[in-house]
Amino acid sequence: MSIGESLVVVKLDGNSARAPLVFEALEQAGLLGEVTDNELDMVDSGAVGFRVPRDQMAAVVLALECSGFTDVRAYEVRSSQIGMDK
């Protein structure tokens, strides 16, 4: 069984110009290396999403919340080998 990934979504209060601040906060916390480079995406006009290893999800969410991002959500990414059931 693999460790898996979590999808982290950070709402930016409608200001997508704040997206770089998300990654600055992770860099300052020493967690930027945990972000999967090819999975960065603007989820909508006011949010950014990225994947991290599941075992680092709590540290990433805590670092972002402590940096002033008040709407941070994390979702478990399930392997497509098994299907999409929970």
PDB file of N, CA and C in Angstrom:
ATOM      1  N   MET A   1       0.851  -1.174   0.000  1.00  0.00           N
ATOM      2  CA  MET A   1       0.000   0.000   0.000  1.00  0.00           C
ATOM      3  C   MET A   1       0.897   1.238   0.000  1.00  0.00           C
ATOM      4  N   SER A   2       0.622   2.174  -0.903  1.00  0.00           N
ATOM      5  CA  SER A   2       1.445   3.377  -1.001  1.00  0.00           C
ATOM      6  C   SER A   2       0.978   4.426  -0.007  1.00  0.00           C
ATOM      7  N   ILE A   3       1.870   5.372   0.245  1.00  0.00           N
ATOM      8  CA  ILE A   3       1.552   6.454   1.177  1.00  0.00           C
ATOM      9  C   ILE A   3       0.437   7.321   0.628  1.00  0.00           C
ATOM     10  N   GLY A   4       0.424   7.583  -0.672  1.00  0.00           N
ATOM     11  CA  GLY A   4      -0.625   8.370  -1.291  1.00  0.00           C
ATOM     12  C   GLY A   4      -0.381   9.853  -1.184  1.00  0.00           C
ATOM     13  N   GLU A   5      -1.331  10.589  -1.694  1.00  0.00           N
ATOM     14  CA  GLU A   5      -1.227  12.038  -1.738  1.00  0.00           C
ATOM     15  C   GLU A   5      -2.487  12.690  -1.213  1.00  0.00           C
ATOM     16  N   SER A   6      -2.334  13.950  -0.857  1.00  0.00           N
ATOM     17  CA  SER A   6      -3.470  14.787  -0.492  1.00  0.00           C
ATOM     18  C   SER A   6      -3.486  15.986  -1.425  1.00  0.00           C
ATOM     19  N   LEU A   7      -4.679  16.412  -1.771  1.00  0.00           N
ATOM     20  CA  LEU A   7      -4.856  17.632  -2.550  1.00  0.00           C
ATOM     21  C   LEU A   7      -5.155  18.751  -1.566  1.00  0.00           C
ATOM     22  N   VAL A   8      -4.329  19.787  -1.578  1.00  0.00           N
ATOM     23  CA  VAL A   8      -4.530  20.935  -0.695  1.00  0.00           C
ATOM     24  C   VAL A   8      -5.055  22.085  -1.543  1.00  0.00           C
ATOM     25  N   VAL A   9      -6.152  22.695  -1.099  1.00  0.00           N
ATOM     26  CA  VAL A   9      -6.760  23.826  -1.794  1.00  0.00           C
ATOM     27  C   VAL A   9      -6.768  25.016  -0.843  1.00  0.00           C
ATOM     28  N   VAL A  10      -6.209  26.140  -1.309  1.00  0.00           N
ATOM     29  CA  VAL A  10      -6.124  27.358  -0.506  1.00  0.00           C
ATOM     30  C   VAL A  10      -6.951  28.437  -1.184  1.00  0.00           C
ATOM     31  N   LYS A  11      -8.006  28.890  -0.504  1.00  0.00           N
ATOM     32  CA  LYS A  11      -8.815  29.998  -1.022  1.00  0.00           C
ATOM     33  C   LYS A  11      -8.047  31.294  -0.794  1.00  0.00           C
ATOM     34  N   LEU A  12      -8.052  32.152  -1.800  1.00  0.00           N
ATOM     35  CA  LEU A  12      -7.262  33.382  -1.753  1.00  0.00           C
ATOM     36  C   LEU A  12      -8.135  34.626  -1.642  1.00  0.00           C
ATOM     37  N   ASP A  13      -9.341  34.487  -1.169  1.00  0.00           N
ATOM     38  CA  ASP A  13     -10.270  35.611  -1.001  1.00  0.00           C
ATOM     39  C   ASP A  13     -10.452  36.388  -2.302  1.00  0.00           C
ATOM     40  N   GLY A  14     -10.525  35.663  -3.420  1.00  0.00           N
ATOM     41  CA  GLY A  14     -10.753  36.304  -4.714  1.00  0.00           C
ATOM     42  C   GLY A  14      -9.555  37.044  -5.275  1.00  0.00           C
ATOM     43  N   ASN A  15      -8.399  36.946  -4.633  1.00  0.00           N
ATOM     44  CA  ASN A  15      -7.210  37.675  -5.066  1.00  0.00           C
ATOM     45  C   ASN A  15      -6.129  36.682  -5.485  1.00  0.00           C
ATOM     46  N   SER A  16      -6.152  36.279  -6.768  1.00  0.00           N
ATOM     47  CA  SER A  16      -5.195  35.280  -7.234  1.00  0.00           C
ATOM     48  C   SER A  16      -3.756  35.781  -7.204  1.00  0.00           C
ATOM     49  N   ALA A  17      -3.548  37.092  -7.041  1.00  0.00           N
ATOM     50  CA  ALA A  17      -2.196  37.640  -6.929  1.00  0.00           C
ATOM     51  C   ALA A  17      -1.515  37.175  -5.633  1.00  0.00           C
ATOM     52  N   ARG A  18      -2.299  36.645  -4.688  1.00  0.00           N
ATOM     53  CA  ARG A  18      -1.741  36.149  -3.419  1.00  0.00           C
ATOM     54  C   ARG A  18      -1.177  34.736  -3.543  1.00  0.00           C
ATOM     55  N   ALA A  19      -1.356  34.085  -4.691  1.00  0.00           N
ATOM     56  CA  ALA A  19      -0.888  32.701  -4.865  1.00  0.00           C
ATOM     57  C   ALA A  19       0.590  32.522  -4.539  1.00  0.00           C
ATOM     58  N   PRO A  20       1.488  33.417  -4.983  1.00  0.00           N
ATOM     59  CA  PRO A  20       2.899  33.223  -4.630  1.00  0.00           C
ATOM     60  C   PRO A  20       3.158  33.230  -3.125  1.00  0.00           C
ATOM     61  N   LEU A  21       2.308  33.913  -2.353  1.00  0.00           N
ATOM     62  CA  LEU A  21       2.481  33.947  -0.905  1.00  0.00           C
ATOM     63  C   LEU A  21       2.257  32.571  -0.273  1.00  0.00           C
ATOM     64  N   VAL A  22       1.422  31.752  -0.913  1.00  0.00           N
ATOM     65  CA  VAL A  22       1.201  30.389  -0.431  1.00  0.00           C
ATOM     66  C   VAL A  22       2.526  29.633  -0.447  1.00  0.00           C
ATOM     67  N   PHE A  23       3.242  29.744  -1.556  1.00  0.00           N
ATOM     68  CA  PHE A  23       4.486  28.992  -1.706  1.00  0.00           C
ATOM     69  C   PHE A  23       5.623  29.610  -0.910  1.00  0.00           C
ATOM     70  N   GLU A  24       5.568  30.912  -0.675  1.00  0.00           N
ATOM     71  CA  GLU A  24       6.546  31.545   0.225  1.00  0.00           C
ATOM     72  C   GLU A  24       6.367  31.011   1.641  1.00  0.00           C
ATOM     73  N   ALA A  25       5.114  30.873   2.081  1.00  0.00           N
ATOM     74  CA  ALA A  25       4.843  30.354   3.428  1.00  0.00           C
ATOM     75  C   ALA A  25       5.358  28.922   3.559  1.00  0.00           C
ATOM     76  N   LEU A  26       5.151  28.114   2.523  1.00  0.00           N
ATOM     77  CA  LEU A  26       5.635  26.730   2.568  1.00  0.00           C
ATOM     78  C   LEU A  26       7.159  26.681   2.556  1.00  0.00           C
ATOM     79  N   GLU A  27       7.772  27.569   1.790  1.00  0.00           N
ATOM     80  CA  GLU A  27       9.230  27.617   1.742  1.00  0.00           C
ATOM     81  C   GLU A  27       9.807  27.989   3.103  1.00  0.00           C
ATOM     82  N   GLN A  28       9.205  28.996   3.764  1.00  0.00           N
ATOM     83  CA  GLN A  28       9.674  29.420   5.077  1.00  0.00           C
ATOM     84  C   GLN A  28       9.526  28.310   6.114  1.00  0.00           C
ATOM     85  N   ALA A  29       8.521  27.455   5.929  1.00  0.00           N
ATOM     86  CA  ALA A  29       8.300  26.346   6.864  1.00  0.00           C
ATOM     87  C   ALA A  29       9.123  25.113   6.485  1.00  0.00           C
ATOM     88  N   GLY A  30       9.881  25.213   5.398  1.00  0.00           N
ATOM     89  CA  GLY A  30      10.693  24.076   4.954  1.00  0.00           C
ATOM     90  C   GLY A  30       9.886  22.980   4.299  1.00  0.00           C
ATOM     91  N   LEU A  31       8.706  23.312   3.781  1.00  0.00           N
ATOM     92  CA  LEU A  31       7.810  22.306   3.215  1.00  0.00           C
ATOM     93  C   LEU A  31       7.613  22.437   1.711  1.00  0.00           C
ATOM     94  N   LEU A  32       8.255  23.401   1.086  1.00  0.00           N
ATOM     95  CA  LEU A  32       8.026  23.616  -0.344  1.00  0.00           C
ATOM     96  C   LEU A  32       8.439  22.393  -1.157  1.00  0.00           C
ATOM     97  N   GLY A  33       9.466  21.688  -0.718  1.00  0.00           N
ATOM     98  CA  GLY A  33       9.910  20.493  -1.424  1.00  0.00           C
ATOM     99  C   GLY A  33       8.889  19.375  -1.427  1.00  0.00           C
ATOM    100  N   GLU A  34       7.872  19.464  -0.565  1.00  0.00           N
ATOM    101  CA  GLU A  34       6.838  18.434  -0.501  1.00  0.00           C
ATOM    102  C   GLU A  34       5.772  18.614  -1.571  1.00  0.00           C
ATOM    103  N   VAL A  35       5.728  19.791  -2.216  1.00  0.00           N
ATOM    104  CA  VAL A  35       4.717  20.068  -3.233  1.00  0.00           C
ATOM    105  C   VAL A  35       5.118  19.381  -4.529  1.00  0.00           C
ATOM    106  N   THR A  36       4.179  18.668  -5.127  1.00  0.00           N
ATOM    107  CA  THR A  36       4.421  18.016  -6.403  1.00  0.00           C
ATOM    108  C   THR A  36       4.367  19.067  -7.501  1.00  0.00           C
ATOM    109  N   ASP A  37       5.519  19.342  -8.124  1.00  0.00           N
ATOM    110  CA  ASP A  37       5.638  20.430  -9.095  1.00  0.00           C
ATOM    111  C   ASP A  37       4.623  20.368 -10.227  1.00  0.00           C
ATOM    112  N   ASN A  38       4.368  19.202 -10.767  1.00  0.00           N
ATOM    113  CA  ASN A  38       3.494  19.126 -11.931  1.00  0.00           C
ATOM    114  C   ASN A  38       2.017  19.131 -11.570  1.00  0.00           C
ATOM    115  N   GLU A  39       1.685  19.367 -10.334  1.00  0.00           N
ATOM    116  CA  GLU A  39       0.284  19.358  -9.917  1.00  0.00           C
ATOM    117  C   GLU A  39      -0.230  20.724  -9.471  1.00  0.00           C
ATOM    118  N   LEU A  40       0.556  21.776  -9.655  1.00  0.00           N
ATOM    119  CA  LEU A  40       0.093  23.103  -9.264  1.00  0.00           C
ATOM    120  C   LEU A  40      -0.996  23.551 -10.214  1.00  0.00           C
ATOM    121  N   ASP A  41      -2.044  24.161  -9.684  1.00  0.00           N
ATOM    122  CA  ASP A  41      -3.138  24.586 -10.548  1.00  0.00           C
ATOM    123  C   ASP A  41      -3.977  25.634  -9.839  1.00  0.00           C
ATOM    124  N   MET A  42      -4.451  26.608 -10.622  1.00  0.00           N
ATOM    125  CA  MET A  42      -5.447  27.530 -10.102  1.00  0.00           C
ATOM    126  C   MET A  42      -6.781  26.801 -10.158  1.00  0.00           C
ATOM    127  N   VAL A  43      -7.343  26.477  -9.010  1.00  0.00           N
ATOM    128  CA  VAL A  43      -8.567  25.705  -8.940  1.00  0.00           C
ATOM    129  C   VAL A  43      -9.736  26.523  -9.486  1.00  0.00           C
ATOM    130  N   ASP A  44      -9.803  27.756  -9.104  1.00  0.00           N
ATOM    131  CA  ASP A  44     -10.728  28.717  -9.696  1.00  0.00           C
ATOM    132  C   ASP A  44     -10.057  30.066  -9.572  1.00  0.00           C
ATOM    133  N   SER A  45     -10.770  31.129  -9.876  1.00  0.00           N
ATOM    134  CA  SER A  45     -10.116  32.443  -9.901  1.00  0.00           C
ATOM    135  C   SER A  45      -9.605  32.891  -8.536  1.00  0.00           C
ATOM    136  N   GLY A  46     -10.050  32.250  -7.479  1.00  0.00           N
ATOM    137  CA  GLY A  46      -9.632  32.686  -6.158  1.00  0.00           C
ATOM    138  C   GLY A  46      -9.044  31.598  -5.288  1.00  0.00           C
ATOM    139  N   ALA A  47      -8.511  30.537  -5.911  1.00  0.00           N
ATOM    140  CA  ALA A  47      -7.939  29.455  -5.114  1.00  0.00           C
ATOM    141  C   ALA A  47      -6.819  28.778  -5.889  1.00  0.00           C
ATOM    142  N   VAL A  48      -5.874  28.218  -5.144  1.00  0.00           N
ATOM    143  CA  VAL A  48      -4.789  27.448  -5.745  1.00  0.00           C
ATOM    144  C   VAL A  48      -4.796  26.062  -5.117  1.00  0.00           C
ATOM    145  N   GLY A  49      -4.533  25.056  -5.935  1.00  0.00           N
ATOM    146  CA  GLY A  49      -4.494  23.687  -5.437  1.00  0.00           C
ATOM    147  C   GLY A  49      -3.196  23.007  -5.823  1.00  0.00           C
ATOM    148  N   PHE A  50      -2.741  22.109  -4.976  1.00  0.00           N
ATOM    149  CA  PHE A  50      -1.516  21.359  -5.245  1.00  0.00           C
ATOM    150  C   PHE A  50      -1.538  20.080  -4.425  1.00  0.00           C
ATOM    151  N   ARG A  51      -0.709  19.118  -4.844  1.00  0.00           N
ATOM    152  CA  ARG A  51      -0.644  17.831  -4.148  1.00  0.00           C
ATOM    153  C   ARG A  51       0.591  17.763  -3.260  1.00  0.00           C
ATOM    154  N   VAL A  52       0.429  17.093  -2.135  1.00  0.00           N
ATOM    155  CA  VAL A  52       1.537  16.835  -1.209  1.00  0.00           C
ATOM    156  C   VAL A  52       1.413  15.390  -0.742  1.00  0.00           C
ATOM    157  N   PRO A  53       2.517  14.793  -0.268  1.00  0.00           N
ATOM    158  CA  PRO A  53       2.401  13.447   0.314  1.00  0.00           C
ATOM    159  C   PRO A  53       1.422  13.473   1.488  1.00  0.00           C
ATOM    160  N   ARG A  54       0.613  12.442   1.591  1.00  0.00           N
ATOM    161  CA  ARG A  54      -0.414  12.396   2.638  1.00  0.00           C
ATOM    162  C   ARG A  54       0.184  12.574   4.030  1.00  0.00           C
ATOM    163  N   ASP A  55       1.380  12.036   4.260  1.00  0.00           N
ATOM    164  CA  ASP A  55       1.966  12.136   5.595  1.00  0.00           C
ATOM    165  C   ASP A  55       2.471  13.544   5.922  1.00  0.00           C
ATOM    166  N   GLN A  56       2.498  14.447   4.953  1.00  0.00           N
ATOM    167  CA  GLN A  56       2.908  15.837   5.183  1.00  0.00           C
ATOM    168  C   GLN A  56       1.724  16.808   5.170  1.00  0.00           C
ATOM    169  N   MET A  57       0.522  16.300   4.902  1.00  0.00           N
ATOM    170  CA  MET A  57      -0.653  17.146   4.754  1.00  0.00           C
ATOM    171  C   MET A  57      -0.924  18.013   5.984  1.00  0.00           C
ATOM    172  N   ALA A  58      -0.881  17.449   7.169  1.00  0.00           N
ATOM    173  CA  ALA A  58      -1.176  18.217   8.385  1.00  0.00           C
ATOM    174  C   ALA A  58      -0.167  19.344   8.581  1.00  0.00           C
ATOM    175  N   ALA A  59       1.113  19.065   8.332  1.00  0.00           N
ATOM    176  CA  ALA A  59       2.143  20.102   8.488  1.00  0.00           C
ATOM    177  C   ALA A  59       1.950  21.225   7.474  1.00  0.00           C
ATOM    178  N   VAL A  60       1.573  20.874   6.243  1.00  0.00           N
ATOM    179  CA  VAL A  60       1.353  21.884   5.204  1.00  0.00           C
ATOM    180  C   VAL A  60       0.160  22.765   5.566  1.00  0.00           C
ATOM    181  N   VAL A  61      -0.950  22.141   5.973  1.00  0.00           N
ATOM    182  CA  VAL A  61      -2.147  22.909   6.345  1.00  0.00           C
ATOM    183  C   VAL A  61      -1.849  23.823   7.529  1.00  0.00           C
ATOM    184  N   LEU A  62      -1.169  23.304   8.537  1.00  0.00           N
ATOM    185  CA  LEU A  62      -0.838  24.109   9.716  1.00  0.00           C
ATOM    186  C   LEU A  62       0.060  25.295   9.347  1.00  0.00           C
ATOM    187  N   ALA A  63       1.069  25.054   8.516  1.00  0.00           N
ATOM    188  CA  ALA A  63       1.969  26.140   8.107  1.00  0.00           C
ATOM    189  C   ALA A  63       1.212  27.235   7.369  1.00  0.00           C
ATOM    190  N   LEU A  64       0.282  26.848   6.512  1.00  0.00           N
ATOM    191  CA  LEU A  64      -0.492  27.847   5.764  1.00  0.00           C
ATOM    192  C   LEU A  64      -1.436  28.618   6.680  1.00  0.00           C
ATOM    193  N   GLU A  65      -2.099  27.920   7.584  1.00  0.00           N
ATOM    194  CA  GLU A  65      -3.005  28.596   8.518  1.00  0.00           C
ATOM    195  C   GLU A  65      -2.243  29.552   9.430  1.00  0.00           C
ATOM    196  N   CYS A  66      -1.060  29.146   9.876  1.00  0.00           N
ATOM    197  CA  CYS A  66      -0.244  30.015  10.729  1.00  0.00           C
ATOM    198  C   CYS A  66       0.294  31.225   9.960  1.00  0.00           C
ATOM    199  N   SER A  67       0.298  31.136   8.641  1.00  0.00           N
ATOM    200  CA  SER A  67       0.758  32.252   7.802  1.00  0.00           C
ATOM    201  C   SER A  67      -0.383  33.164   7.383  1.00  0.00           C
ATOM    202  N   GLY A  68      -1.573  32.933   7.929  1.00  0.00           N
ATOM    203  CA  GLY A  68      -2.684  33.838   7.691  1.00  0.00           C
ATOM    204  C   GLY A  68      -3.682  33.401   6.636  1.00  0.00           C
ATOM    205  N   PHE A  69      -3.510  32.217   6.069  1.00  0.00           N
ATOM    206  CA  PHE A  69      -4.492  31.710   5.105  1.00  0.00           C
ATOM    207  C   PHE A  69      -5.577  31.003   5.901  1.00  0.00           C
ATOM    208  N   THR A  70      -6.778  31.583   5.902  1.00  0.00           N
ATOM    209  CA  THR A  70      -7.829  31.100   6.788  1.00  0.00           C
ATOM    210  C   THR A  70      -8.709  30.014   6.184  1.00  0.00           C
ATOM    211  N   ASP A  71      -8.666  29.833   4.876  1.00  0.00           N
ATOM    212  CA  ASP A  71      -9.502  28.814   4.236  1.00  0.00           C
ATOM    213  C   ASP A  71      -8.606  27.834   3.489  1.00  0.00           C
ATOM    214  N   VAL A  72      -8.107  26.842   4.226  1.00  0.00           N
ATOM    215  CA  VAL A  72      -7.222  25.816   3.675  1.00  0.00           C
ATOM    216  C   VAL A  72      -7.926  24.477   3.856  1.00  0.00           C
ATOM    217  N   ARG A  73      -8.051  23.736   2.758  1.00  0.00           N
ATOM    218  CA  ARG A  73      -8.717  22.437   2.829  1.00  0.00           C
ATOM    219  C   ARG A  73      -7.824  21.374   2.223  1.00  0.00           C
ATOM    220  N   ALA A  74      -7.922  20.172   2.738  1.00  0.00           N
ATOM    221  CA  ALA A  74      -7.135  19.060   2.218  1.00  0.00           C
ATOM    222  C   ALA A  74      -8.056  17.879   1.950  1.00  0.00           C
ATOM    223  N   TYR A  75      -7.795  17.209   0.840  1.00  0.00           N
ATOM    224  CA  TYR A  75      -8.596  16.075   0.413  1.00  0.00           C
ATOM    225  C   TYR A  75      -7.680  14.901   0.117  1.00  0.00           C
ATOM    226  N   GLU A  76      -8.094  13.723   0.506  1.00  0.00           N
ATOM    227  CA  GLU A  76      -7.320  12.520   0.211  1.00  0.00           C
ATOM    228  C   GLU A  76      -7.492  12.184  -1.266  1.00  0.00           C
ATOM    229  N   VAL A  77      -6.390  11.898  -1.935  1.00  0.00           N
ATOM    230  CA  VAL A  77      -6.429  11.492  -3.336  1.00  0.00           C
ATOM    231  C   VAL A  77      -6.333   9.974  -3.358  1.00  0.00           C
ATOM    232  N   ARG A  78      -7.351   9.349  -3.883  1.00  0.00           N
ATOM    233  CA  ARG A  78      -7.388   7.885  -3.950  1.00  0.00           C
ATOM    234  C   ARG A  78      -6.736   7.398  -5.238  1.00  0.00           C
ATOM    235  N   SER A  79      -6.125   6.248  -5.165  1.00  0.00           N
ATOM    236  CA  SER A  79      -5.507   5.629  -6.334  1.00  0.00           C
ATOM    237  C   SER A  79      -6.590   5.226  -7.336  1.00  0.00           C
ATOM    238  N   SER A  80      -6.345   5.481  -8.608  1.00  0.00           N
ATOM    239  CA  SER A  80      -7.313   5.130  -9.647  1.00  0.00           C
ATOM    240  C   SER A  80      -7.314   3.617  -9.924  1.00  0.00           C
ATOM    241  N   GLN A  81      -6.350   2.874  -9.377  1.00  0.00           N
ATOM    242  CA  GLN A  81      -6.292   1.433  -9.583  1.00  0.00           C
ATOM    243  C   GLN A  81      -7.472   0.726  -8.924  1.00  0.00           C
ATOM    244  N   ILE A  82      -7.900   1.226  -7.807  1.00  0.00           N
ATOM    245  CA  ILE A  82      -8.970   0.586  -7.049  1.00  0.00           C
ATOM    246  C   ILE A  82     -10.333   1.096  -7.496  1.00  0.00           C
ATOM    247  N   GLY A  83     -10.404   2.291  -7.997  1.00  0.00           N
ATOM    248  CA  GLY A  83     -11.667   2.902  -8.348  1.00  0.00           C
ATOM    249  C   GLY A  83     -11.889   4.135  -7.519  1.00  0.00           C
ATOM    250  N   MET A  84     -13.014   4.716  -7.624  1.00  0.00           N
ATOM    251  CA  MET A  84     -13.286   5.967  -6.935  1.00  0.00           C
ATOM    252  C   MET A  84     -14.151   5.765  -5.703  1.00  0.00           C
ATOM    253  N   ASP A  85     -14.328   4.525  -5.206  1.00  0.00           N
ATOM    254  CA  ASP A  85     -15.142   4.373  -4.010  1.00  0.00           C
ATOM    255  C   ASP A  85     -14.389   4.765  -2.758  1.00  0.00           C
ATOM    256  N   LYS A  86     -15.144   5.145  -1.773  1.00  0.00           N
ATOM    257  CA  LYS A  86     -14.547   5.590  -0.514  1.00  0.00           C
ATOM    258  C   LYS A  86     -14.464   4.485   0.471  1.00  0.00           C
TER     259      LYS A  86
END
